[in-house]
mmCIF file of all heavy atoms, coordinates in Angstrom:
data_MODEL
# 
_entry.id   MODEL 
# 
loop_
_atom_site.group_PDB 
_atom_site.id 
_atom_site.type_symbol 
_atom_site.label_atom_id 
_atom_site.label_alt_id 
_atom_site.label_comp_id 
_atom_site.label_asym_id 
_atom_site.label_entity_id 
_atom_site.label_seq_id 
_atom_site.pdbx_PDB_ins_code 
_atom_site.Cartn_x 
_atom_site.Cartn_y 
_atom_site.Cartn_z 
_atom_site.occupancy 
_atom_site.B_iso_or_equiv 
_atom_site.pdbx_formal_charge 
_atom_site.auth_seq_id 
_atom_site.auth_comp_id 
_atom_site.auth_asym_id 
_atom_site.auth_atom_id 
_atom_site.pdbx_PDB_model_num 
ATOM 1   N N   . VAL A 1 1  ? -12.386 -5.786  14.783 1.00 0.00 ? 1  VAL A N   1 
ATOM 2   C CA  . VAL A 1 1  ? -13.623 -6.543  14.362 1.00 0.00 ? 1  VAL A CA  1 
ATOM 3   C C   . VAL A 1 1  ? -13.231 -7.779  13.573 1.00 0.00 ? 1  VAL A C   1 
ATOM 4   O O   . VAL A 1 1  ? -12.395 -7.682  12.633 1.00 0.00 ? 1  VAL A O   1 
ATOM 5   C CB  . VAL A 1 1  ? -14.550 -5.637  13.552 1.00 0.00 ? 1  VAL A CB  1 
ATOM 6   C CG1 . VAL A 1 1  ? -15.709 -6.446  13.011 1.00 0.00 ? 1  VAL A CG1 1 
ATOM 7   C CG2 . VAL A 1 1  ? -15.050 -4.462  14.414 1.00 0.00 ? 1  VAL A CG2 1 
ATOM 8   N N   . TYR A 1 2  ? -13.769 -8.906  13.894 1.00 0.00 ? 2  TYR A N   1 
ATOM 9   C CA  . TYR A 1 2  ? -13.549 -10.119 13.150 1.00 0.00 ? 2  TYR A CA  1 
ATOM 10  C C   . TYR A 1 2  ? -14.884 -10.575 12.545 1.00 0.00 ? 2  TYR A C   1 
ATOM 11  O O   . TYR A 1 2  ? -15.896 -10.714 13.271 1.00 0.00 ? 2  TYR A O   1 
ATOM 12  C CB  . TYR A 1 2  ? -13.030 -11.259 14.087 1.00 0.00 ? 2  TYR A CB  1 
ATOM 13  C CG  . TYR A 1 2  ? -11.702 -10.917 14.690 1.00 0.00 ? 2  TYR A CG  1 
ATOM 14  C CD1 . TYR A 1 2  ? -11.593 -10.131 15.817 1.00 0.00 ? 2  TYR A CD1 1 
ATOM 15  C CD2 . TYR A 1 2  ? -10.527 -11.438 14.129 1.00 0.00 ? 2  TYR A CD2 1 
ATOM 16  C CE1 . TYR A 1 2  ? -10.334 -9.789  16.401 1.00 0.00 ? 2  TYR A CE1 1 
ATOM 17  C CE2 . TYR A 1 2  ? -9.296  -11.156 14.700 1.00 0.00 ? 2  TYR A CE2 1 
ATOM 18  C CZ  . TYR A 1 2  ? -9.209  -10.326 15.823 1.00 0.00 ? 2  TYR A CZ  1 
ATOM 19  O OH  . TYR A 1 2  ? -7.976  -9.975  16.345 1.00 0.00 ? 2  TYR A OH  1 
ATOM 20  N N   . GLY A 1 3  ? -14.913 -10.716 11.234 1.00 0.00 ? 3  GLY A N   1 
ATOM 21  C CA  . GLY A 1 3  ? -16.175 -11.106 10.544 1.00 0.00 ? 3  GLY A CA  1 
ATOM 22  C C   . GLY A 1 3  ? -16.170 -12.635 10.315 1.00 0.00 ? 3  GLY A C   1 
ATOM 23  O O   . GLY A 1 3  ? -15.114 -13.246 10.119 1.00 0.00 ? 3  GLY A O   1 
ATOM 24  N N   . SER A 1 4  ? -17.376 -13.200 10.371 1.00 0.00 ? 4  SER A N   1 
ATOM 25  C CA  . SER A 1 4  ? -17.458 -14.624 10.231 1.00 0.00 ? 4  SER A CA  1 
ATOM 26  C C   . SER A 1 4  ? -16.971 -15.168 8.879  1.00 0.00 ? 4  SER A C   1 
ATOM 27  O O   . SER A 1 4  ? -16.657 -16.371 8.741  1.00 0.00 ? 4  SER A O   1 
ATOM 28  C CB  . SER A 1 4  ? -18.901 -15.088 10.495 1.00 0.00 ? 4  SER A CB  1 
ATOM 29  O OG  . SER A 1 4  ? -19.817 -14.517 9.630  1.00 0.00 ? 4  SER A OG  1 
ATOM 30  N N   . ALA A 1 5  ? -16.923 -14.260 7.835  1.00 0.00 ? 5  ALA A N   1 
ATOM 31  C CA  . ALA A 1 5  ? -16.490 -14.763 6.527  1.00 0.00 ? 5  ALA A CA  1 
ATOM 32  C C   . ALA A 1 5  ? -14.922 -14.707 6.423  1.00 0.00 ? 5  ALA A C   1 
ATOM 33  O O   . ALA A 1 5  ? -14.408 -15.085 5.400  1.00 0.00 ? 5  ALA A O   1 
ATOM 34  C CB  . ALA A 1 5  ? -17.068 -13.861 5.439  1.00 0.00 ? 5  ALA A CB  1 
ATOM 35  N N   . GLY A 1 6  ? -14.223 -14.157 7.507  1.00 0.00 ? 6  GLY A N   1 
ATOM 36  C CA  . GLY A 1 6  ? -12.783 -14.237 7.463  1.00 0.00 ? 6  GLY A CA  1 
ATOM 37  C C   . GLY A 1 6  ? -12.061 -12.910 7.553  1.00 0.00 ? 6  GLY A C   1 
ATOM 38  O O   . GLY A 1 6  ? -10.812 -12.874 7.661  1.00 0.00 ? 6  GLY A O   1 
ATOM 39  N N   . ALA A 1 7  ? -12.781 -11.750 7.516  1.00 0.00 ? 7  ALA A N   1 
ATOM 40  C CA  . ALA A 1 7  ? -12.152 -10.441 7.530  1.00 0.00 ? 7  ALA A CA  1 
ATOM 41  C C   . ALA A 1 7  ? -11.723 -10.042 8.947  1.00 0.00 ? 7  ALA A C   1 
ATOM 42  O O   . ALA A 1 7  ? -12.459 -10.294 9.929  1.00 0.00 ? 7  ALA A O   1 
ATOM 43  C CB  . ALA A 1 7  ? -13.083 -9.411  6.986  1.00 0.00 ? 7  ALA A CB  1 
ATOM 44  N N   . LYS A 1 8  ? -10.523 -9.471  9.098  1.00 0.00 ? 8  LYS A N   1 
ATOM 45  C CA  . LYS A 1 8  ? -10.092 -8.843  10.311 1.00 0.00 ? 8  LYS A CA  1 
ATOM 46  C C   . LYS A 1 8  ? -9.909  -7.346  10.040 1.00 0.00 ? 8  LYS A C   1 
ATOM 47  O O   . LYS A 1 8  ? -9.189  -6.971  9.144  1.00 0.00 ? 8  LYS A O   1 
ATOM 48  C CB  . LYS A 1 8  ? -8.749  -9.425  10.777 1.00 0.00 ? 8  LYS A CB  1 
ATOM 49  C CG  . LYS A 1 8  ? -8.173  -8.809  12.015 1.00 0.00 ? 8  LYS A CG  1 
ATOM 50  C CD  . LYS A 1 8  ? -6.836  -9.555  12.415 1.00 0.00 ? 8  LYS A CD  1 
ATOM 51  C CE  . LYS A 1 8  ? -6.221  -8.953  13.651 1.00 0.00 ? 8  LYS A CE  1 
ATOM 52  N NZ  . LYS A 1 8  ? -4.951  -9.612  14.028 1.00 0.00 ? 8  LYS A NZ  1 
ATOM 53  N N   . LEU A 1 9  ? -10.636 -6.518  10.816 1.00 0.00 ? 9  LEU A N   1 
ATOM 54  C CA  . LEU A 1 9  ? -10.746 -5.095  10.493 1.00 0.00 ? 9  LEU A CA  1 
ATOM 55  C C   . LEU A 1 9  ? -10.319 -4.197  11.656 1.00 0.00 ? 9  LEU A C   1 
ATOM 56  O O   . LEU A 1 9  ? -10.568 -4.536  12.802 1.00 0.00 ? 9  LEU A O   1 
ATOM 57  C CB  . LEU A 1 9  ? -12.174 -4.738  10.099 1.00 0.00 ? 9  LEU A CB  1 
ATOM 58  C CG  . LEU A 1 9  ? -12.912 -5.534  8.997  1.00 0.00 ? 9  LEU A CG  1 
ATOM 59  C CD1 . LEU A 1 9  ? -14.384 -5.158  8.971  1.00 0.00 ? 9  LEU A CD1 1 
ATOM 60  C CD2 . LEU A 1 9  ? -12.224 -5.299  7.679  1.00 0.00 ? 9  LEU A CD2 1 
ATOM 61  N N   . ASP A 1 10 ? -9.695  -3.098  11.315 1.00 0.00 ? 10 ASP A N   1 
ATOM 62  C CA  . ASP A 1 10 ? -9.641  -1.986  12.245 1.00 0.00 ? 10 ASP A CA  1 
ATOM 63  C C   . ASP A 1 10 ? -10.840 -1.111  11.923 1.00 0.00 ? 10 ASP A C   1 
ATOM 64  O O   . ASP A 1 10 ? -10.917 -0.470  10.870 1.00 0.00 ? 10 ASP A O   1 
ATOM 65  C CB  . ASP A 1 10 ? -8.353  -1.136  11.978 1.00 0.00 ? 10 ASP A CB  1 
ATOM 66  C CG  . ASP A 1 10 ? -8.266  0.053   12.915 1.00 0.00 ? 10 ASP A CG  1 
ATOM 67  O OD1 . ASP A 1 10 ? -9.241  0.370   13.599 1.00 0.00 ? 10 ASP A OD1 1 
ATOM 68  O OD2 . ASP A 1 10 ? -7.167  0.678   12.958 1.00 0.00 ? 10 ASP A OD2 1 
ATOM 69  N N   . PRO A 1 11 ? -11.871 -1.089  12.764 1.00 0.00 ? 11 PRO A N   1 
ATOM 70  C CA  . PRO A 1 11 ? -13.145 -0.436  12.450 1.00 0.00 ? 11 PRO A CA  1 
ATOM 71  C C   . PRO A 1 11 ? -13.083 1.034   12.389 1.00 0.00 ? 11 PRO A C   1 
ATOM 72  O O   . PRO A 1 11 ? -13.962 1.689   11.847 1.00 0.00 ? 11 PRO A O   1 
ATOM 73  C CB  . PRO A 1 11 ? -14.051 -0.911  13.529 1.00 0.00 ? 11 PRO A CB  1 
ATOM 74  C CG  . PRO A 1 11 ? -13.181 -1.159  14.731 1.00 0.00 ? 11 PRO A CG  1 
ATOM 75  C CD  . PRO A 1 11 ? -11.875 -1.662  14.132 1.00 0.00 ? 11 PRO A CD  1 
ATOM 76  N N   . THR A 1 12 ? -12.003 1.699   12.903 1.00 0.00 ? 12 THR A N   1 
ATOM 77  C CA  . THR A 1 12 ? -11.937 3.154   12.918 1.00 0.00 ? 12 THR A CA  1 
ATOM 78  C C   . THR A 1 12 ? -11.809 3.736   11.488 1.00 0.00 ? 12 THR A C   1 
ATOM 79  O O   . THR A 1 12 ? -12.152 4.847   11.228 1.00 0.00 ? 12 THR A O   1 
ATOM 80  C CB  . THR A 1 12 ? -10.796 3.645   13.789 1.00 0.00 ? 12 THR A CB  1 
ATOM 81  O OG1 . THR A 1 12 ? -9.541  3.063   13.314 1.00 0.00 ? 12 THR A OG1 1 
ATOM 82  C CG2 . THR A 1 12 ? -11.058 3.211   15.225 1.00 0.00 ? 12 THR A CG2 1 
ATOM 83  N N   . GLY A 1 13 ? -11.314 2.910   10.584 1.00 0.00 ? 13 GLY A N   1 
ATOM 84  C CA  . GLY A 1 13 ? -11.159 3.384   9.181  1.00 0.00 ? 13 GLY A CA  1 
ATOM 85  C C   . GLY A 1 13 ? -12.441 3.361   8.391  1.00 0.00 ? 13 GLY A C   1 
ATOM 86  O O   . GLY A 1 13 ? -12.903 4.431   7.963  1.00 0.00 ? 13 GLY A O   1 
ATOM 87  N N   . PRO A 1 14 ? -13.060 2.217   8.200  1.00 0.00 ? 14 PRO A N   1 
ATOM 88  C CA  . PRO A 1 14 ? -12.527 0.913   8.517  1.00 0.00 ? 14 PRO A CA  1 
ATOM 89  C C   . PRO A 1 14 ? -11.420 0.443   7.543  1.00 0.00 ? 14 PRO A C   1 
ATOM 90  O O   . PRO A 1 14 ? -11.412 0.838   6.381  1.00 0.00 ? 14 PRO A O   1 
ATOM 91  C CB  . PRO A 1 14 ? -13.728 -0.042  8.415  1.00 0.00 ? 14 PRO A CB  1 
ATOM 92  C CG  . PRO A 1 14 ? -14.610 0.611   7.426  1.00 0.00 ? 14 PRO A CG  1 
ATOM 93  C CD  . PRO A 1 14 ? -14.395 2.097   7.551  1.00 0.00 ? 14 PRO A CD  1 
ATOM 94  N N   . THR A 1 15 ? -10.467 -0.318  8.086  1.00 0.00 ? 15 THR A N   1 
ATOM 95  C CA  . THR A 1 15 ? -9.319  -0.818  7.310  1.00 0.00 ? 15 THR A CA  1 
ATOM 96  C C   . THR A 1 15 ? -9.257  -2.295  7.410  1.00 0.00 ? 15 THR A C   1 
ATOM 97  O O   . THR A 1 15 ? -9.284  -2.833  8.501  1.00 0.00 ? 15 THR A O   1 
ATOM 98  C CB  . THR A 1 15 ? -8.059  -0.186  7.772  1.00 0.00 ? 15 THR A CB  1 
ATOM 99  O OG1 . THR A 1 15 ? -8.195  1.226   7.782  1.00 0.00 ? 15 THR A OG1 1 
ATOM 100 C CG2 . THR A 1 15 ? -6.851  -0.650  6.959  1.00 0.00 ? 15 THR A CG2 1 
ATOM 101 N N   . LEU A 1 16 ? -9.132  -3.009  6.262  1.00 0.00 ? 16 LEU A N   1 
ATOM 102 C CA  . LEU A 1 16 ? -8.983  -4.429  6.245  1.00 0.00 ? 16 LEU A CA  1 
ATOM 103 C C   . LEU A 1 16 ? -7.537  -4.762  6.636  1.00 0.00 ? 16 LEU A C   1 
ATOM 104 O O   . LEU A 1 16 ? -6.557  -4.369  5.927  1.00 0.00 ? 16 LEU A O   1 
ATOM 105 C CB  . LEU A 1 16 ? -9.297  -4.957  4.875  1.00 0.00 ? 16 LEU A CB  1 
ATOM 106 C CG  . LEU A 1 16 ? -9.138  -6.537  4.745  1.00 0.00 ? 16 LEU A CG  1 
ATOM 107 C CD1 . LEU A 1 16 ? -10.170 -7.237  5.617  1.00 0.00 ? 16 LEU A CD1 1 
ATOM 108 C CD2 . LEU A 1 16 ? -9.346  -6.937  3.266  1.00 0.00 ? 16 LEU A CD2 1 
ATOM 109 N N   . LEU A 1 17 ? -7.325  -5.532  7.719  1.00 0.00 ? 17 LEU A N   1 
ATOM 110 C CA  . LEU A 1 17 ? -5.984  -5.853  8.143  1.00 0.00 ? 17 LEU A CA  1 
ATOM 111 C C   . LEU A 1 17 ? -5.555  -7.177  7.598  1.00 0.00 ? 17 LEU A C   1 
ATOM 112 O O   . LEU A 1 17 ? -4.320  -7.521  7.678  1.00 0.00 ? 17 LEU A O   1 
ATOM 113 C CB  . LEU A 1 17 ? -5.934  -5.942  9.733  1.00 0.00 ? 17 LEU A CB  1 
ATOM 114 C CG  . LEU A 1 17 ? -6.390  -4.684  10.464 1.00 0.00 ? 17 LEU A CG  1 
ATOM 115 C CD1 . LEU A 1 17 ? -6.422  -4.909  11.954 1.00 0.00 ? 17 LEU A CD1 1 
ATOM 116 C CD2 . LEU A 1 17 ? -5.431  -3.516  10.068 1.00 0.00 ? 17 LEU A CD2 1 
ATOM 117 N N   . GLY A 1 18 ? -6.481  -8.018  7.147  1.00 0.00 ? 18 GLY A N   1 
ATOM 118 C CA  . GLY A 1 18 ? -6.103  -9.338  6.575  1.00 0.00 ? 18 GLY A CA  1 
ATOM 119 C C   . GLY A 1 18 ? -7.346  -10.238 6.506  1.00 0.00 ? 18 GLY A C   1 
ATOM 120 O O   . GLY A 1 18 ? -8.417  -9.856  7.030  1.00 0.00 ? 18 GLY A O   1 
ATOM 121 N N   . THR A 1 19 ? -7.174  -11.401 5.891  1.00 0.00 ? 19 THR A N   1 
ATOM 122 C CA  . THR A 1 19 ? -8.255  -12.328 5.737  1.00 0.00 ? 19 THR A CA  1 
ATOM 123 C C   . THR A 1 19 ? -7.817  -13.751 6.116  1.00 0.00 ? 19 THR A C   1 
ATOM 124 O O   . THR A 1 19 ? -6.709  -14.170 5.726  1.00 0.00 ? 19 THR A O   1 
ATOM 125 C CB  . THR A 1 19 ? -8.778  -12.314 4.335  1.00 0.00 ? 19 THR A CB  1 
ATOM 126 O OG1 . THR A 1 19 ? -9.204  -10.976 3.953  1.00 0.00 ? 19 THR A OG1 1 
ATOM 127 C CG2 . THR A 1 19 ? -10.008 -13.271 4.172  1.00 0.00 ? 19 THR A CG2 1 
ATOM 128 N N   . TYR A 1 20 ? -8.614  -14.409 6.944  1.00 0.00 ? 20 TYR A N   1 
ATOM 129 C CA  . TYR A 1 20 ? -8.344  -15.810 7.264  1.00 0.00 ? 20 TYR A CA  1 
ATOM 130 C C   . TYR A 1 20 ? -8.917  -16.587 6.106  1.00 0.00 ? 20 TYR A C   1 
ATOM 131 O O   . TYR A 1 20 ? -10.138 -16.815 6.049  1.00 0.00 ? 20 TYR A O   1 
ATOM 132 C CB  . TYR A 1 20 ? -8.987  -16.128 8.577  1.00 0.00 ? 20 TYR A CB  1 
ATOM 133 C CG  . TYR A 1 20 ? -8.455  -15.316 9.731  1.00 0.00 ? 20 TYR A CG  1 
ATOM 134 C CD1 . TYR A 1 20 ? -9.069  -14.125 10.153 1.00 0.00 ? 20 TYR A CD1 1 
ATOM 135 C CD2 . TYR A 1 20 ? -7.281  -15.683 10.370 1.00 0.00 ? 20 TYR A CD2 1 
ATOM 136 C CE1 . TYR A 1 20 ? -8.559  -13.318 11.166 1.00 0.00 ? 20 TYR A CE1 1 
ATOM 137 C CE2 . TYR A 1 20 ? -6.800  -14.923 11.460 1.00 0.00 ? 20 TYR A CE2 1 
ATOM 138 C CZ  . TYR A 1 20 ? -7.395  -13.739 11.810 1.00 0.00 ? 20 TYR A CZ  1 
ATOM 139 O OH  . TYR A 1 20 ? -6.918  -12.940 12.843 1.00 0.00 ? 20 TYR A OH  1 
ATOM 140 N N   . GLU A 1 21 ? -8.044  -17.046 5.224  1.00 0.00 ? 21 GLU A N   1 
ATOM 141 C CA  . GLU A 1 21 ? -8.499  -17.703 4.038  1.00 0.00 ? 21 GLU A CA  1 
ATOM 142 C C   . GLU A 1 21 ? -9.015  -19.086 4.260  1.00 0.00 ? 21 GLU A C   1 
ATOM 143 O O   . GLU A 1 21 ? -8.482  -19.875 5.091  1.00 0.00 ? 21 GLU A O   1 
ATOM 144 C CB  . GLU A 1 21 ? -7.344  -17.799 2.962  1.00 0.00 ? 21 GLU A CB  1 
ATOM 145 C CG  . GLU A 1 21 ? -6.757  -16.417 2.537  1.00 0.00 ? 21 GLU A CG  1 
ATOM 146 C CD  . GLU A 1 21 ? -7.804  -15.640 1.684  1.00 0.00 ? 21 GLU A CD  1 
ATOM 147 O OE1 . GLU A 1 21 ? -8.787  -16.259 1.233  1.00 0.00 ? 21 GLU A OE1 1 
ATOM 148 O OE2 . GLU A 1 21 ? -7.553  -14.498 1.418  1.00 0.00 ? 21 GLU A OE2 1 
ATOM 149 N N   . SER A 1 22 ? -10.071 -19.478 3.503  1.00 0.00 ? 22 SER A N   1 
ATOM 150 C CA  . SER A 1 22 ? -10.675 -20.791 3.681  1.00 0.00 ? 22 SER A CA  1 
ATOM 151 C C   . SER A 1 22 ? -9.843  -21.853 3.007  1.00 0.00 ? 22 SER A C   1 
ATOM 152 O O   . SER A 1 22 ? -9.474  -21.699 1.841  1.00 0.00 ? 22 SER A O   1 
ATOM 153 C CB  . SER A 1 22 ? -12.081 -20.837 3.089  1.00 0.00 ? 22 SER A CB  1 
ATOM 154 O OG  . SER A 1 22 ? -12.878 -19.778 3.666  1.00 0.00 ? 22 SER A OG  1 
ATOM 155 N N   . PRO A 1 23 ? -9.536  -22.887 3.720  1.00 0.00 ? 23 PRO A N   1 
ATOM 156 C CA  . PRO A 1 23 ? -8.797  -24.017 2.998  1.00 0.00 ? 23 PRO A CA  1 
ATOM 157 C C   . PRO A 1 23 ? -9.693  -24.789 2.008  1.00 0.00 ? 23 PRO A C   1 
ATOM 158 O O   . PRO A 1 23 ? -9.241  -25.316 1.016  1.00 0.00 ? 23 PRO A O   1 
ATOM 159 C CB  . PRO A 1 23 ? -8.422  -25.006 4.216  1.00 0.00 ? 23 PRO A CB  1 
ATOM 160 C CG  . PRO A 1 23 ? -9.431  -24.639 5.289  1.00 0.00 ? 23 PRO A CG  1 
ATOM 161 C CD  . PRO A 1 23 ? -9.745  -23.233 5.133  1.00 0.00 ? 23 PRO A CD  1 
ATOM 162 N N   . THR A 1 24 ? -10.977 -24.763 2.256  1.00 0.00 ? 24 THR A N   1 
ATOM 163 C CA  . THR A 1 24 ? -11.972 -25.308 1.291  1.00 0.00 ? 24 THR A CA  1 
ATOM 164 C C   . THR A 1 24 ? -13.231 -24.421 1.352  1.00 0.00 ? 24 THR A C   1 
ATOM 165 O O   . THR A 1 24 ? -13.428 -23.621 2.299  1.00 0.00 ? 24 THR A O   1 
ATOM 166 C CB  . THR A 1 24 ? -12.410 -26.731 1.682  1.00 0.00 ? 24 THR A CB  1 
ATOM 167 O OG1 . THR A 1 24 ? -13.002 -26.704 2.951  1.00 0.00 ? 24 THR A OG1 1 
ATOM 168 C CG2 . THR A 1 24 ? -11.255 -27.657 1.686  1.00 0.00 ? 24 THR A CG2 1 
ATOM 169 N N   . PHE A 1 25 ? -13.960 -24.475 0.364  1.00 0.00 ? 25 PHE A N   1 
ATOM 170 C CA  . PHE A 1 25 ? -15.204 -23.686 0.318  1.00 0.00 ? 25 PHE A CA  1 
ATOM 171 C C   . PHE A 1 25 ? -16.241 -24.193 1.331  1.00 0.00 ? 25 PHE A C   1 
ATOM 172 O O   . PHE A 1 25 ? -16.491 -25.392 1.418  1.00 0.00 ? 25 PHE A O   1 
ATOM 173 C CB  . PHE A 1 25 ? -15.925 -23.656 -1.052 1.00 0.00 ? 25 PHE A CB  1 
ATOM 174 C CG  . PHE A 1 25 ? -17.235 -22.907 -1.011 1.00 0.00 ? 25 PHE A CG  1 
ATOM 175 C CD1 . PHE A 1 25 ? -17.310 -21.533 -1.115 1.00 0.00 ? 25 PHE A CD1 1 
ATOM 176 C CD2 . PHE A 1 25 ? -18.397 -23.632 -0.951 1.00 0.00 ? 25 PHE A CD2 1 
ATOM 177 C CE1 . PHE A 1 25 ? -18.485 -20.860 -0.998 1.00 0.00 ? 25 PHE A CE1 1 
ATOM 178 C CE2 . PHE A 1 25 ? -19.609 -22.956 -0.907 1.00 0.00 ? 25 PHE A CE2 1 
ATOM 179 C CZ  . PHE A 1 25 ? -19.640 -21.572 -0.971 1.00 0.00 ? 25 PHE A CZ  1 
ATOM 180 N N   . SER A 1 26 ? -16.672 -23.302 2.209  1.00 0.00 ? 26 SER A N   1 
ATOM 181 C CA  . SER A 1 26 ? -17.682 -23.717 3.192  1.00 0.00 ? 26 SER A CA  1 
ATOM 182 C C   . SER A 1 26 ? -18.438 -22.452 3.708  1.00 0.00 ? 26 SER A C   1 
ATOM 183 O O   . SER A 1 26 ? -17.774 -21.390 3.783  1.00 0.00 ? 26 SER A O   1 
ATOM 184 C CB  . SER A 1 26 ? -17.065 -24.473 4.350  1.00 0.00 ? 26 SER A CB  1 
ATOM 185 O OG  . SER A 1 26 ? -18.028 -24.871 5.282  1.00 0.00 ? 26 SER A OG  1 
# 
């Protein structure tokens, strides 16, 4: 699962696999 705020998840946990960090606030 990819969330529009930047989270990448394994939903079976759910477990956070990482975050696509914003270069600027938006």
